[in-house]
């Protein structure tokens, strides 16, 4: 199932929008190549986190106190 900015895996809910959007893009590309969802999500998440670190972007939303 391809994901969108409005419909994405729950595991991405605490990511900042740019990082989440990058993960969605990567995951959709992996799915298109035939990778199963259960592998695509963690791979896309790791790659999006690396992408954010390389750009000095904040990765996750702050937790409420």
PDB file of N, CA and C in Angstrom:
ATOM      1  N   UNK A   1       0.838  -1.177   0.000  1.00  0.00           N
ATOM      2  CA  UNK A   1       0.000   0.000   0.000  1.00  0.00           C
ATOM      3  C   UNK A   1       0.884   1.242   0.000  1.00  0.00           C
ATOM      4  N   UNK A   2       0.801   2.062  -1.016  1.00  0.00           N
ATOM      5  CA  UNK A   2       1.604   3.296  -1.003  1.00  0.00           C
ATOM      6  C   UNK A   2       1.073   4.270   0.053  1.00  0.00           C
ATOM      7  N   UNK A   3       1.986   5.024   0.653  1.00  0.00           N
ATOM      8  CA  UNK A   3       1.622   5.962   1.698  1.00  0.00           C
ATOM      9  C   UNK A   3       1.615   7.386   1.171  1.00  0.00           C
ATOM     10  N   UNK A   4       0.933   8.259   1.900  1.00  0.00           N
ATOM     11  CA  UNK A   4       0.857   9.677   1.550  1.00  0.00           C
ATOM     12  C   UNK A   4       1.201  10.507   2.787  1.00  0.00           C
ATOM     13  N   UNK A   5       1.225  11.825   2.606  1.00  0.00           N
ATOM     14  CA  UNK A   5       1.489  12.714   3.741  1.00  0.00           C
ATOM     15  C   UNK A   5       0.374  12.651   4.777  1.00  0.00           C
ATOM     16  N   UNK A   6      -0.814  12.228   4.361  1.00  0.00           N
ATOM     17  CA  UNK A   6      -1.943  12.126   5.282  1.00  0.00           C
ATOM     18  C   UNK A   6      -2.140  10.709   5.820  1.00  0.00           C
ATOM     19  N   UNK A   7      -1.694   9.714   5.086  1.00  0.00           N
ATOM     20  CA  UNK A   7      -1.874   8.308   5.477  1.00  0.00           C
ATOM     21  C   UNK A   7      -0.516   7.614   5.424  1.00  0.00           C
ATOM     22  N   UNK A   8       0.059   7.408   6.597  1.00  0.00           N
ATOM     23  CA  UNK A   8       1.396   6.820   6.688  1.00  0.00           C
ATOM     24  C   UNK A   8       1.446   5.881   7.883  1.00  0.00           C
ATOM     25  N   UNK A   9       2.492   5.059   7.971  1.00  0.00           N
ATOM     26  CA  UNK A   9       2.596   4.130   9.096  1.00  0.00           C
ATOM     27  C   UNK A   9       2.637   4.859  10.440  1.00  0.00           C
ATOM     28  N   UNK A  10       2.023   4.269  11.433  1.00  0.00           N
ATOM     29  CA  UNK A  10       1.981   4.849  12.781  1.00  0.00           C
ATOM     30  C   UNK A  10       3.395   5.099  13.310  1.00  0.00           C
ATOM     31  N   UNK A  11       4.335   4.277  12.925  1.00  0.00           N
ATOM     32  CA  UNK A  11       5.705   4.419  13.418  1.00  0.00           C
ATOM     33  C   UNK A  11       6.350   5.741  13.007  1.00  0.00           C
ATOM     34  N   UNK A  12       5.759   6.455  12.068  1.00  0.00           N
ATOM     35  CA  UNK A  12       6.323   7.732  11.610  1.00  0.00           C
ATOM     36  C   UNK A  12       5.643   8.951  12.237  1.00  0.00           C
ATOM     37  N   UNK A  13       4.673   8.734  13.128  1.00  0.00           N
ATOM     38  CA  UNK A  13       3.870   9.847  13.643  1.00  0.00           C
ATOM     39  C   UNK A  13       4.662  10.871  14.454  1.00  0.00           C
ATOM     40  N   UNK A  14       5.738  10.479  15.102  1.00  0.00           N
ATOM     41  CA  UNK A  14       6.508  11.408  15.931  1.00  0.00           C
ATOM     42  C   UNK A  14       7.688  12.042  15.205  1.00  0.00           C
ATOM     43  N   UNK A  15       7.790  11.810  13.912  1.00  0.00           N
ATOM     44  CA  UNK A  15       8.867  12.408  13.130  1.00  0.00           C
ATOM     45  C   UNK A  15       8.460  13.799  12.674  1.00  0.00           C
ATOM     46  N   UNK A  16       9.435  14.680  12.540  1.00  0.00           N
ATOM     47  CA  UNK A  16       9.182  15.997  11.969  1.00  0.00           C
ATOM     48  C   UNK A  16       8.741  15.782  10.518  1.00  0.00           C
ATOM     49  N   UNK A  17       7.911  16.674  10.011  1.00  0.00           N
ATOM     50  CA  UNK A  17       7.316  16.517   8.680  1.00  0.00           C
ATOM     51  C   UNK A  17       8.341  16.256   7.564  1.00  0.00           C
ATOM     52  N   UNK A  18       9.452  17.005   7.483  1.00  0.00           N
ATOM     53  CA  UNK A  18      10.389  16.732   6.386  1.00  0.00           C
ATOM     54  C   UNK A  18      10.983  15.314   6.440  1.00  0.00           C
ATOM     55  N   UNK A  19      11.260  14.846   7.640  1.00  0.00           N
ATOM     56  CA  UNK A  19      11.834  13.509   7.806  1.00  0.00           C
ATOM     57  C   UNK A  19      10.774  12.450   7.503  1.00  0.00           C
ATOM     58  N   UNK A  20       9.574  12.662   8.005  1.00  0.00           N
ATOM     59  CA  UNK A  20       8.478  11.730   7.727  1.00  0.00           C
ATOM     60  C   UNK A  20       8.200  11.663   6.223  1.00  0.00           C
ATOM     61  N   UNK A  21       8.172  12.817   5.563  1.00  0.00           N
ATOM     62  CA  UNK A  21       7.907  12.840   4.126  1.00  0.00           C
ATOM     63  C   UNK A  21       9.011  12.123   3.346  1.00  0.00           C
ATOM     64  N   UNK A  22      10.248  12.271   3.790  1.00  0.00           N
ATOM     65  CA  UNK A  22      11.361  11.570   3.139  1.00  0.00           C
ATOM     66  C   UNK A  22      11.208  10.073   3.339  1.00  0.00           C
ATOM     67  N   UNK A  23      10.848   9.646   4.537  1.00  0.00           N
ATOM     68  CA  UNK A  23      10.646   8.220   4.808  1.00  0.00           C
ATOM     69  C   UNK A  23       9.513   7.663   3.951  1.00  0.00           C
ATOM     70  N   UNK A  24       8.440   8.428   3.800  1.00  0.00           N
ATOM     71  CA  UNK A  24       7.319   7.999   2.962  1.00  0.00           C
ATOM     72  C   UNK A  24       7.780   7.820   1.529  1.00  0.00           C
ATOM     73  N   UNK A  25       8.540   8.770   1.034  1.00  0.00           N
ATOM     74  CA  UNK A  25       9.049   8.705  -0.335  1.00  0.00           C
ATOM     75  C   UNK A  25       9.941   7.483  -0.538  1.00  0.00           C
ATOM     76  N   UNK A  26      10.843   7.256   0.395  1.00  0.00           N
ATOM     77  CA  UNK A  26      11.752   6.110   0.304  1.00  0.00           C
ATOM     78  C   UNK A  26      10.968   4.809   0.390  1.00  0.00           C
ATOM     79  N   UNK A  27      10.044   4.719   1.338  1.00  0.00           N
ATOM     80  CA  UNK A  27       9.251   3.494   1.510  1.00  0.00           C
ATOM     81  C   UNK A  27       8.439   3.186   0.254  1.00  0.00           C
ATOM     82  N   UNK A  28       7.834   4.206  -0.331  1.00  0.00           N
ATOM     83  CA  UNK A  28       7.055   3.985  -1.553  1.00  0.00           C
ATOM     84  C   UNK A  28       7.943   3.498  -2.697  1.00  0.00           C
ATOM     85  N   UNK A  29       9.153   4.030  -2.789  1.00  0.00           N
ATOM     86  CA  UNK A  29      10.085   3.573  -3.824  1.00  0.00           C
ATOM     87  C   UNK A  29      10.469   2.107  -3.594  1.00  0.00           C
ATOM     88  N   UNK A  30      10.696   1.750  -2.338  1.00  0.00           N
ATOM     89  CA  UNK A  30      11.041   0.363  -2.020  1.00  0.00           C
ATOM     90  C   UNK A  30       9.880  -0.576  -2.335  1.00  0.00           C
ATOM     91  N   UNK A  31       8.659  -0.144  -2.024  1.00  0.00           N
ATOM     92  CA  UNK A  31       7.480  -0.956  -2.340  1.00  0.00           C
ATOM     93  C   UNK A  31       7.346  -1.143  -3.850  1.00  0.00           C
ATOM     94  N   UNK A  32       7.606  -0.094  -4.583  1.00  0.00           N
ATOM     95  CA  UNK A  32       7.510  -0.157  -6.046  1.00  0.00           C
ATOM     96  C   UNK A  32       8.514  -1.159  -6.619  1.00  0.00           C
ATOM     97  N   UNK A  33       9.649  -1.292  -5.934  1.00  0.00           N
ATOM     98  CA  UNK A  33      10.667  -2.255  -6.358  1.00  0.00           C
ATOM     99  C   UNK A  33      10.334  -3.674  -5.928  1.00  0.00           C
ATOM    100  N   UNK A  34       9.239  -3.837  -5.185  1.00  0.00           N
ATOM    101  CA  UNK A  34       8.796  -5.162  -4.791  1.00  0.00           C
ATOM    102  C   UNK A  34       9.141  -5.580  -3.374  1.00  0.00           C
ATOM    103  N   UNK A  35       9.671  -4.672  -2.578  1.00  0.00           N
ATOM    104  CA  UNK A  35      10.013  -5.006  -1.199  1.00  0.00           C
ATOM    105  C   UNK A  35       8.744  -5.083  -0.354  1.00  0.00           C
ATOM    106  N   UNK A  36       8.648  -6.058   0.539  1.00  0.00           N
ATOM    107  CA  UNK A  36       7.474  -6.147   1.420  1.00  0.00           C
ATOM    108  C   UNK A  36       7.431  -4.971   2.405  1.00  0.00           C
ATOM    109  N   UNK A  37       6.203  -4.589   2.806  1.00  0.00           N
ATOM    110  CA  UNK A  37       6.013  -3.470   3.737  1.00  0.00           C
ATOM    111  C   UNK A  37       6.815  -3.639   5.022  1.00  0.00           C
ATOM    112  N   UNK A  38       6.816  -4.849   5.561  1.00  0.00           N
ATOM    113  CA  UNK A  38       7.489  -5.054   6.855  1.00  0.00           C
ATOM    114  C   UNK A  38       8.997  -4.814   6.794  1.00  0.00           C
ATOM    115  N   UNK A  39       9.577  -4.843   5.612  1.00  0.00           N
ATOM    116  CA  UNK A  39      10.999  -4.507   5.458  1.00  0.00           C
ATOM    117  C   UNK A  39      11.173  -3.063   5.015  1.00  0.00           C
ATOM    118  N   UNK A  40      10.246  -2.579   4.176  1.00  0.00           N
ATOM    119  CA  UNK A  40      10.372  -1.232   3.616  1.00  0.00           C
ATOM    120  C   UNK A  40      10.309  -0.156   4.696  1.00  0.00           C
ATOM    121  N   UNK A  41       9.426  -0.326   5.672  1.00  0.00           N
ATOM    122  CA  UNK A  41       9.248   0.709   6.696  1.00  0.00           C
ATOM    123  C   UNK A  41      10.522   0.938   7.521  1.00  0.00           C
ATOM    124  N   UNK A  42      11.134  -0.097   8.107  1.00  0.00           N
ATOM    125  CA  UNK A  42      12.338   0.176   8.900  1.00  0.00           C
ATOM    126  C   UNK A  42      13.519   0.668   8.064  1.00  0.00           C
ATOM    127  N   UNK A  43      13.638   0.176   6.850  1.00  0.00           N
ATOM    128  CA  UNK A  43      14.726   0.639   5.978  1.00  0.00           C
ATOM    129  C   UNK A  43      14.510   2.109   5.633  1.00  0.00           C
ATOM    130  N   UNK A  44      13.292   2.465   5.256  1.00  0.00           N
ATOM    131  CA  UNK A  44      12.985   3.855   4.912  1.00  0.00           C
ATOM    132  C   UNK A  44      13.194   4.771   6.112  1.00  0.00           C
ATOM    133  N   UNK A  45      12.810   4.320   7.288  1.00  0.00           N
ATOM    134  CA  UNK A  45      12.986   5.118   8.500  1.00  0.00           C
ATOM    135  C   UNK A  45      14.468   5.380   8.763  1.00  0.00           C
ATOM    136  N   UNK A  46      15.272   4.350   8.677  1.00  0.00           N
ATOM    137  CA  UNK A  46      16.710   4.501   8.917  1.00  0.00           C
ATOM    138  C   UNK A  46      17.348   5.433   7.891  1.00  0.00           C
ATOM    139  N   UNK A  47      16.968   5.294   6.631  1.00  0.00           N
ATOM    140  CA  UNK A  47      17.533   6.153   5.583  1.00  0.00           C
ATOM    141  C   UNK A  47      17.082   7.599   5.752  1.00  0.00           C
ATOM    142  N   UNK A  48      15.844   7.810   6.149  1.00  0.00           N
ATOM    143  CA  UNK A  48      15.345   9.167   6.359  1.00  0.00           C
ATOM    144  C   UNK A  48      16.041   9.819   7.556  1.00  0.00           C
ATOM    145  N   UNK A  49      16.282   9.053   8.599  1.00  0.00           N
ATOM    146  CA  UNK A  49      17.013   9.579   9.758  1.00  0.00           C
ATOM    147  C   UNK A  49      18.427   9.976   9.353  1.00  0.00           C
ATOM    148  N   UNK A  50      19.082   9.138   8.572  1.00  0.00           N
ATOM    149  CA  UNK A  50      20.440   9.445   8.091  1.00  0.00           C
ATOM    150  C   UNK A  50      20.414  10.710   7.223  1.00  0.00           C
ATOM    151  N   UNK A  51      19.404  10.809   6.362  1.00  0.00           N
ATOM    152  CA  UNK A  51      19.236  11.981   5.508  1.00  0.00           C
ATOM    153  C   UNK A  51      19.128  13.241   6.364  1.00  0.00           C
ATOM    154  N   UNK A  52      18.331  13.181   7.427  1.00  0.00           N
ATOM    155  CA  UNK A  52      18.136  14.331   8.310  1.00  0.00           C
ATOM    156  C   UNK A  52      19.416  14.693   9.056  1.00  0.00           C
ATOM    157  N   UNK A  53      20.118  13.694   9.554  1.00  0.00           N
ATOM    158  CA  UNK A  53      21.370  13.946  10.277  1.00  0.00           C
ATOM    159  C   UNK A  53      22.376  14.649   9.368  1.00  0.00           C
ATOM    160  N   UNK A  54      22.470  14.196   8.126  1.00  0.00           N
ATOM    161  CA  UNK A  54      23.404  14.796   7.171  1.00  0.00           C
ATOM    162  C   UNK A  54      23.057  16.236   6.830  1.00  0.00           C
ATOM    163  N   UNK A  55      21.819  16.641   7.108  1.00  0.00           N
ATOM    164  CA  UNK A  55      21.373  18.000   6.831  1.00  0.00           C
ATOM    165  C   UNK A  55      21.134  18.803   8.113  1.00  0.00           C
ATOM    166  N   UNK A  56      21.544  18.248   9.230  1.00  0.00           N
ATOM    167  CA  UNK A  56      21.380  18.894  10.539  1.00  0.00           C
ATOM    168  C   UNK A  56      19.921  19.275  10.807  1.00  0.00           C
ATOM    169  N   UNK A  57      19.006  18.387  10.434  1.00  0.00           N
ATOM    170  CA  UNK A  57      17.582  18.605  10.673  1.00  0.00           C
ATOM    171  C   UNK A  57      17.142  17.887  11.943  1.00  0.00           C
ATOM    172  N   UNK A  58      16.177  18.480  12.607  1.00  0.00           N
ATOM    173  CA  UNK A  58      15.578  17.832  13.770  1.00  0.00           C
ATOM    174  C   UNK A  58      14.786  16.627  13.279  1.00  0.00           C
ATOM    175  N   UNK A  59      14.917  15.492  13.952  1.00  0.00           N
ATOM    176  CA  UNK A  59      14.320  14.254  13.491  1.00  0.00           C
ATOM    177  C   UNK A  59      12.940  14.031  14.087  1.00  0.00           C
ATOM    178  N   UNK A  60      12.824  14.151  15.402  1.00  0.00           N
ATOM    179  CA  UNK A  60      11.546  13.828  16.065  1.00  0.00           C
ATOM    180  C   UNK A  60      10.968  15.045  16.760  1.00  0.00           C
ATOM    181  N   UNK A  61       9.630  15.021  16.894  1.00  0.00           N
ATOM    182  CA  UNK A  61       8.924  16.055  17.635  1.00  0.00           C
ATOM    183  C   UNK A  61       9.275  15.929  19.112  1.00  0.00           C
ATOM    184  N   UNK A  62       9.247  17.061  19.805  1.00  0.00           N
ATOM    185  CA  UNK A  62       9.477  17.042  21.249  1.00  0.00           C
ATOM    186  C   UNK A  62       8.289  16.366  21.924  1.00  0.00           C
ATOM    187  N   UNK A  63       8.569  15.612  22.958  1.00  0.00           N
ATOM    188  CA  UNK A  63       7.493  14.989  23.730  1.00  0.00           C
ATOM    189  C   UNK A  63       6.909  16.007  24.686  1.00  0.00           C
ATOM    190  N   UNK A  64       5.609  15.940  24.870  1.00  0.00           N
ATOM    191  CA  UNK A  64       4.936  16.851  25.799  1.00  0.00           C
ATOM    192  C   UNK A  64       5.351  16.521  27.233  1.00  0.00           C
ATOM    193  N   UNK A  65       5.473  17.521  28.037  1.00  0.00           N
ATOM    194  CA  UNK A  65       5.887  17.327  29.431  1.00  0.00           C
ATOM    195  C   UNK A  65       4.759  16.845  30.285  1.00  0.00           C
TER     196      UNK A  65
END
